[in-house]
Amino acid sequence: MRVWDIHPKDLCRKHLLAEHRELHGLWNILTKHEGKGGYSRHPETLRWVGKQKALYLRHEALVKEVFRRGYRHHTPLDKKFAIGVGSQRVFINTVSEQKMILKQKACECLLHKKEKR
């Protein structure tokens, strides 16, 4: 489970869509399951506790990039649950470390390549 802290435009298709999927799972844990379940104690989950507003804003940034690339989006988050802090300042890996992680993957992250459907 990972929600990146770098700009969505820097993510390849695979990582953009995977983060979107993971974010929805995390959102469900934080808003529907109230800290119960398998991933409720995961470090990625814990760093978003009390920061649902920030997570909501990250989702909106991902959705904006999804649309920019010409993809569809049919899974909005319920804004009424976007409470708490509006920015994320806790990191499992720093932004620089995250960029290094992505650079080591066999993908096109960080290349700013415009994707077509």
C-alpha atoms as a PDB file:
ATOM      1  CA  MET A   1       0.000   0.000   0.000  1.00  0.00           C
ATOM      2  CA  ARG A   2       1.418   3.386  -1.008  1.00  0.00           C
ATOM      3  CA  VAL A   3       0.221   6.894  -1.592  1.00  0.00           C
ATOM      4  CA  TRP A   4       3.047   8.803  -3.251  1.00  0.00           C
ATOM      5  CA  ASP A   5       3.902  12.343  -2.212  1.00  0.00           C
ATOM      6  CA  ILE A   6       5.155  13.468  -5.608  1.00  0.00           C
ATOM      7  CA  HIS A   7       3.137  15.256  -8.257  1.00  0.00           C
ATOM      8  CA  PRO A   8       0.773  12.903 -10.126  1.00  0.00           C
ATOM      9  CA  LYS A   9       2.162  14.096 -13.494  1.00  0.00           C
ATOM     10  CA  ASP A  10       5.432  12.402 -12.513  1.00  0.00           C
ATOM     11  CA  LEU A  11       3.794   8.996 -12.264  1.00  0.00           C
ATOM     12  CA  CYS A  12       3.604   6.538 -15.144  1.00  0.00           C
ATOM     13  CA  ARG A  13       0.217   5.083 -16.030  1.00  0.00           C
ATOM     14  CA  LYS A  14       0.796   1.979 -13.909  1.00  0.00           C
ATOM     15  CA  HIS A  15       1.722   3.895 -10.754  1.00  0.00           C
ATOM     16  CA  LEU A  16      -0.931   6.588 -11.243  1.00  0.00           C
ATOM     17  CA  LEU A  17      -3.737   4.045 -11.512  1.00  0.00           C
ATOM     18  CA  ALA A  18      -2.304   1.825  -8.772  1.00  0.00           C
ATOM     19  CA  GLU A  19      -2.097   4.758  -6.369  1.00  0.00           C
ATOM     20  CA  HIS A  20      -5.679   5.678  -7.171  1.00  0.00           C
ATOM     21  CA  ARG A  21      -6.798   2.141  -6.353  1.00  0.00           C
ATOM     22  CA  GLU A  22      -4.744   2.071  -3.128  1.00  0.00           C
ATOM     23  CA  LEU A  23      -6.058   5.473  -2.097  1.00  0.00           C
ATOM     24  CA  HIS A  24      -9.635   4.210  -2.352  1.00  0.00           C
ATOM     25  CA  GLY A  25      -8.777   1.271  -0.118  1.00  0.00           C
ATOM     26  CA  LEU A  26      -7.155   3.585   2.392  1.00  0.00           C
ATOM     27  CA  TRP A  27     -10.132   5.966   2.244  1.00  0.00           C
ATOM     28  CA  ASN A  28     -12.480   3.074   3.051  1.00  0.00           C
ATOM     29  CA  ILE A  29     -10.379   2.043   6.036  1.00  0.00           C
ATOM     30  CA  LEU A  30     -10.341   5.600   7.397  1.00  0.00           C
ATOM     31  CA  THR A  31     -13.961   6.530   6.710  1.00  0.00           C
ATOM     32  CA  LYS A  32     -15.994   3.315   6.809  1.00  0.00           C
ATOM     33  CA  HIS A  33     -14.127   0.794   8.908  1.00  0.00           C
ATOM     34  CA  GLU A  34     -12.951   3.261  11.568  1.00  0.00           C
ATOM     35  CA  GLY A  35      -9.534   1.728  12.070  1.00  0.00           C
ATOM     36  CA  LYS A  36     -10.676  -1.882  12.016  1.00  0.00           C
ATOM     37  CA  GLY A  37      -9.340  -4.480   9.649  1.00  0.00           C
ATOM     38  CA  GLY A  38      -6.160  -5.828   8.157  1.00  0.00           C
ATOM     39  CA  TYR A  39      -4.507  -2.628   7.021  1.00  0.00           C
ATOM     40  CA  SER A  40      -5.692  -0.334   9.827  1.00  0.00           C
ATOM     41  CA  ARG A  41      -2.273  -0.502  11.547  1.00  0.00           C
ATOM     42  CA  HIS A  42      -0.218  -0.308   8.338  1.00  0.00           C
ATOM     43  CA  PRO A  43       2.266   2.611   8.413  1.00  0.00           C
ATOM     44  CA  GLU A  44       0.706   4.123   5.277  1.00  0.00           C
ATOM     45  CA  THR A  45      -2.716   4.031   6.906  1.00  0.00           C
ATOM     46  CA  LEU A  46      -1.467   5.486  10.181  1.00  0.00           C
ATOM     47  CA  ARG A  47       0.141   8.490   8.516  1.00  0.00           C
ATOM     48  CA  TRP A  48      -3.268   9.518   7.100  1.00  0.00           C
ATOM     49  CA  VAL A  49      -5.281   9.209  10.314  1.00  0.00           C
ATOM     50  CA  GLY A  50      -6.827  12.619  10.994  1.00  0.00           C
ATOM     51  CA  LYS A  51      -5.796  13.811   7.531  1.00  0.00           C
ATOM     52  CA  GLN A  52      -8.744  12.690   5.445  1.00  0.00           C
ATOM     53  CA  LYS A  53      -8.951  16.192   3.951  1.00  0.00           C
ATOM     54  CA  ALA A  54      -5.376  15.859   2.714  1.00  0.00           C
ATOM     55  CA  LEU A  55      -6.150  12.402   1.332  1.00  0.00           C
ATOM     56  CA  TYR A  56      -9.233  13.771  -0.408  1.00  0.00           C
ATOM     57  CA  LEU A  57      -7.123  16.534  -1.982  1.00  0.00           C
ATOM     58  CA  ARG A  58      -4.552  13.950  -3.124  1.00  0.00           C
ATOM     59  CA  HIS A  59      -7.374  11.996  -4.755  1.00  0.00           C
ATOM     60  CA  GLU A  60      -8.562  15.132  -6.547  1.00  0.00           C
ATOM     61  CA  ALA A  61      -5.022  15.745  -7.843  1.00  0.00           C
ATOM     62  CA  LEU A  62      -4.870  12.157  -9.125  1.00  0.00           C
ATOM     63  CA  VAL A  63      -8.268  12.535 -10.790  1.00  0.00           C
ATOM     64  CA  LYS A  64      -7.148  15.751 -12.487  1.00  0.00           C
ATOM     65  CA  GLU A  65      -4.156  13.894 -13.923  1.00  0.00           C
ATOM     66  CA  VAL A  66      -6.339  10.938 -14.933  1.00  0.00           C
ATOM     67  CA  PHE A  67      -8.567  13.313 -16.935  1.00  0.00           C
ATOM     68  CA  ARG A  68      -5.569  15.173 -18.383  1.00  0.00           C
ATOM     69  CA  ARG A  69      -4.344  11.883 -19.828  1.00  0.00           C
ATOM     70  CA  GLY A  70      -7.712  11.166 -21.367  1.00  0.00           C
ATOM     71  CA  TYR A  71      -8.836   8.435 -19.005  1.00  0.00           C
ATOM     72  CA  ARG A  72     -12.250   8.191 -17.361  1.00  0.00           C
ATOM     73  CA  HIS A  73     -13.001   8.367 -13.661  1.00  0.00           C
ATOM     74  CA  HIS A  74     -16.154   7.029 -12.015  1.00  0.00           C
ATOM     75  CA  THR A  75     -15.227   6.714  -8.344  1.00  0.00           C
ATOM     76  CA  PRO A  76     -15.506  10.052  -6.531  1.00  0.00           C
ATOM     77  CA  LEU A  77     -14.899  10.259  -2.810  1.00  0.00           C
ATOM     78  CA  ASP A  78     -17.597  11.548  -0.492  1.00  0.00           C
ATOM     79  CA  LYS A  79     -16.418  15.036   0.440  1.00  0.00           C
ATOM     80  CA  LYS A  80     -18.322  14.995   3.731  1.00  0.00           C
ATOM     81  CA  PHE A  81     -15.604  12.677   5.083  1.00  0.00           C
ATOM     82  CA  ALA A  82     -12.798  15.059   4.028  1.00  0.00           C
ATOM     83  CA  ILE A  83     -12.056  16.196   7.563  1.00  0.00           C
ATOM     84  CA  GLY A  84      -8.942  16.939   9.562  1.00  0.00           C
ATOM     85  CA  VAL A  85      -5.663  18.363   8.363  1.00  0.00           C
ATOM     86  CA  GLY A  86      -5.491  19.442   4.718  1.00  0.00           C
ATOM     87  CA  SER A  87      -1.835  18.638   4.102  1.00  0.00           C
ATOM     88  CA  GLN A  88       0.433  15.675   4.678  1.00  0.00           C
ATOM     89  CA  ARG A  89       3.709  16.324   6.496  1.00  0.00           C
ATOM     90  CA  VAL A  90       4.461  12.787   7.680  1.00  0.00           C
ATOM     91  CA  PHE A  91       6.472  10.646   5.287  1.00  0.00           C
ATOM     92  CA  ILE A  92       7.489   7.013   5.314  1.00  0.00           C
ATOM     93  CA  ASN A  93      10.058   7.946   2.671  1.00  0.00           C
ATOM     94  CA  THR A  94      11.003  11.534   1.890  1.00  0.00           C
ATOM     95  CA  VAL A  95       9.982  12.917  -1.489  1.00  0.00           C
ATOM     96  CA  SER A  96      13.602  12.581  -2.629  1.00  0.00           C
ATOM     97  CA  GLU A  97      13.658   8.948  -1.514  1.00  0.00           C
ATOM     98  CA  GLN A  98      10.365   8.320  -3.305  1.00  0.00           C
ATOM     99  CA  LYS A  99      11.822   9.715  -6.519  1.00  0.00           C
ATOM    100  CA  MET A 100      14.834   7.414  -6.137  1.00  0.00           C
ATOM    101  CA  ILE A 101      12.510   4.433  -5.588  1.00  0.00           C
ATOM    102  CA  LEU A 102      10.621   5.283  -8.781  1.00  0.00           C
ATOM    103  CA  LYS A 103      13.810   5.835 -10.784  1.00  0.00           C
ATOM    104  CA  GLN A 104      14.875   2.289  -9.902  1.00  0.00           C
ATOM    105  CA  LYS A 105      11.673   0.788 -11.297  1.00  0.00           C
ATOM    106  CA  ALA A 106      11.318  -0.335 -14.886  1.00  0.00           C
ATOM    107  CA  CYS A 107       8.695   2.273 -15.733  1.00  0.00           C
ATOM    108  CA  GLU A 108       8.304   5.763 -17.140  1.00  0.00           C
ATOM    109  CA  CYS A 109       7.733   7.602 -13.880  1.00  0.00           C
ATOM    110  CA  LEU A 110       9.395  11.021 -13.588  1.00  0.00           C
ATOM    111  CA  LEU A 111       9.714  11.370 -17.372  1.00  0.00           C
ATOM    112  CA  HIS A 112       6.736  13.738 -17.868  1.00  0.00           C
ATOM    113  CA  LYS A 113       5.721  11.774 -20.945  1.00  0.00           C
ATOM    114  CA  LYS A 114       2.245  12.709 -22.115  1.00  0.00           C
ATOM    115  CA  GLU A 115       0.163   9.562 -22.345  1.00  0.00           C
ATOM    116  CA  LYS A 116      -2.623   8.839 -24.810  1.00  0.00           C
ATOM    117  CA  ARG A 117      -5.436   6.385 -24.314  1.00  0.00           C
END
